[in-house]
Amino acid sequence: VHGKFFDIRDGREPVVPLEELIDVLVAGGYDGYISSEYEGWHWDTASDAFEMVARQQAVCRAALDRHARGERARPDARERLDSPTASP
């Protein structure tokens, strides 16, 4: 899975719902890798791109840890996966 993101502020991605997407991937049985791609460098030249990738991966790891404990960012992740018209 290609995981584009644009920013990490206060431990969250303000545009891409990372935690919810992790929930949907895990609910769907995905157990592979997520390749991080920081796209914010196009306009945010002050931030360190490597630090931003590390932050995004920390957010993803935290979401996976919550999921392993039986918690989810969105309790309806399985229903959203099953619905052909659902939007994030």
Protein backbone atom coordinates (compact mmCIF):
# COMPACT_ATOMS: atom_id res chain seq x y z
CA VAL A 1 0.00 0.00 0.00
CA HIS A 2 1.31 3.42 -0.96
CA GLY A 3 0.73 5.80 1.99
CA LYS A 4 0.93 9.39 0.82
CA PHE A 5 0.63 12.08 3.48
CA PHE A 6 1.06 15.84 3.63
CA ASP A 7 1.75 16.84 7.22
CA ILE A 8 1.80 15.56 10.78
CA ARG A 9 0.63 18.03 13.41
CA ASP A 10 0.10 17.16 17.05
CA GLY A 11 0.41 13.47 16.22
CA ARG A 12 -2.22 13.53 13.46
CA GLU A 13 -2.38 13.97 9.70
CA PRO A 14 -4.78 16.88 9.10
CA VAL A 15 -5.74 15.78 5.56
CA VAL A 16 -5.41 11.99 5.28
CA PRO A 17 -7.35 9.95 7.89
CA LEU A 18 -4.44 7.61 8.65
CA GLU A 19 -5.96 5.96 11.71
CA GLU A 20 -9.22 5.22 9.93
CA LEU A 21 -7.40 3.86 6.89
CA ILE A 22 -5.36 1.54 9.10
CA ASP A 23 -8.62 0.30 10.62
CA VAL A 24 -10.06 -0.44 7.18
CA LEU A 25 -6.88 -2.17 6.00
CA VAL A 26 -6.70 -4.41 9.07
CA ALA A 27 -10.45 -5.13 9.01
CA GLY A 28 -10.01 -6.20 5.38
CA GLY A 29 -7.25 -8.65 6.30
CA TYR A 30 -4.29 -6.65 4.97
CA ASP A 31 -1.03 -7.61 6.69
CA GLY A 32 1.55 -6.17 4.31
CA TYR A 33 3.65 -3.04 4.25
CA ILE A 34 2.69 0.61 3.92
CA SER A 35 5.19 2.67 1.95
CA SER A 36 5.36 6.22 3.35
CA GLU A 37 5.54 9.11 0.91
CA TYR A 38 5.73 12.65 2.26
CA GLU A 39 4.18 15.06 -0.24
CA GLY A 40 4.34 18.17 1.95
CA TRP A 41 7.87 18.94 0.83
CA HIS A 42 6.42 20.60 -2.27
CA TRP A 43 5.37 23.65 -0.24
CA ASP A 44 6.89 23.10 3.22
CA THR A 45 10.60 23.42 2.62
CA ALA A 46 11.35 24.16 6.29
CA SER A 47 10.35 20.74 7.64
CA ASP A 48 12.77 17.82 7.60
CA ALA A 49 11.26 15.20 5.27
CA PHE A 50 12.89 12.32 7.17
CA GLU A 51 11.42 13.58 10.45
CA MET A 52 7.98 13.85 8.82
CA VAL A 53 8.20 10.23 7.60
CA ALA A 54 9.23 9.13 11.10
CA ARG A 55 6.20 10.97 12.54
CA GLN A 56 3.84 9.40 10.01
CA GLN A 57 5.17 5.94 10.75
CA ALA A 58 4.73 6.58 14.49
CA VAL A 59 1.07 7.50 13.85
CA CYS A 60 0.59 4.29 11.84
CA ARG A 61 2.31 2.17 14.53
CA ALA A 62 0.13 3.72 17.24
CA ALA A 63 -3.00 2.94 15.17
CA LEU A 64 -1.84 -0.67 14.74
CA ASP A 65 -1.14 -0.94 18.48
CA ARG A 66 -4.64 0.40 19.27
CA HIS A 67 -6.13 -2.07 16.82
CA ALA A 68 -4.21 -4.94 18.46
CA ARG A 69 -5.79 -3.92 21.79
CA GLY A 70 -9.23 -4.10 20.19
CA GLU A 71 -9.63 -0.33 19.85
CA ARG A 72 -10.34 1.40 16.56
CA ALA A 73 -10.31 5.01 15.43
CA ARG A 74 -13.71 4.40 13.84
CA PRO A 75 -15.86 1.62 15.26
CA ASP A 76 -17.60 1.19 11.90
CA ALA A 77 -14.45 0.33 9.90
CA ARG A 78 -15.75 -3.12 8.90
CA GLU A 79 -19.10 -1.70 7.78
CA ARG A 80 -17.34 1.01 5.77
CA LEU A 81 -15.23 -1.65 4.08
CA ASP A 82 -18.35 -3.62 3.13
CA SER A 83 -20.23 -0.61 1.73
CA PRO A 84 -19.50 0.10 -1.94
CA THR A 85 -20.59 3.74 -1.56
CA ALA A 86 -18.93 4.58 1.75
CA SER A 87 -16.51 7.47 1.84
CA PRO A 88 -13.81 8.09 4.47
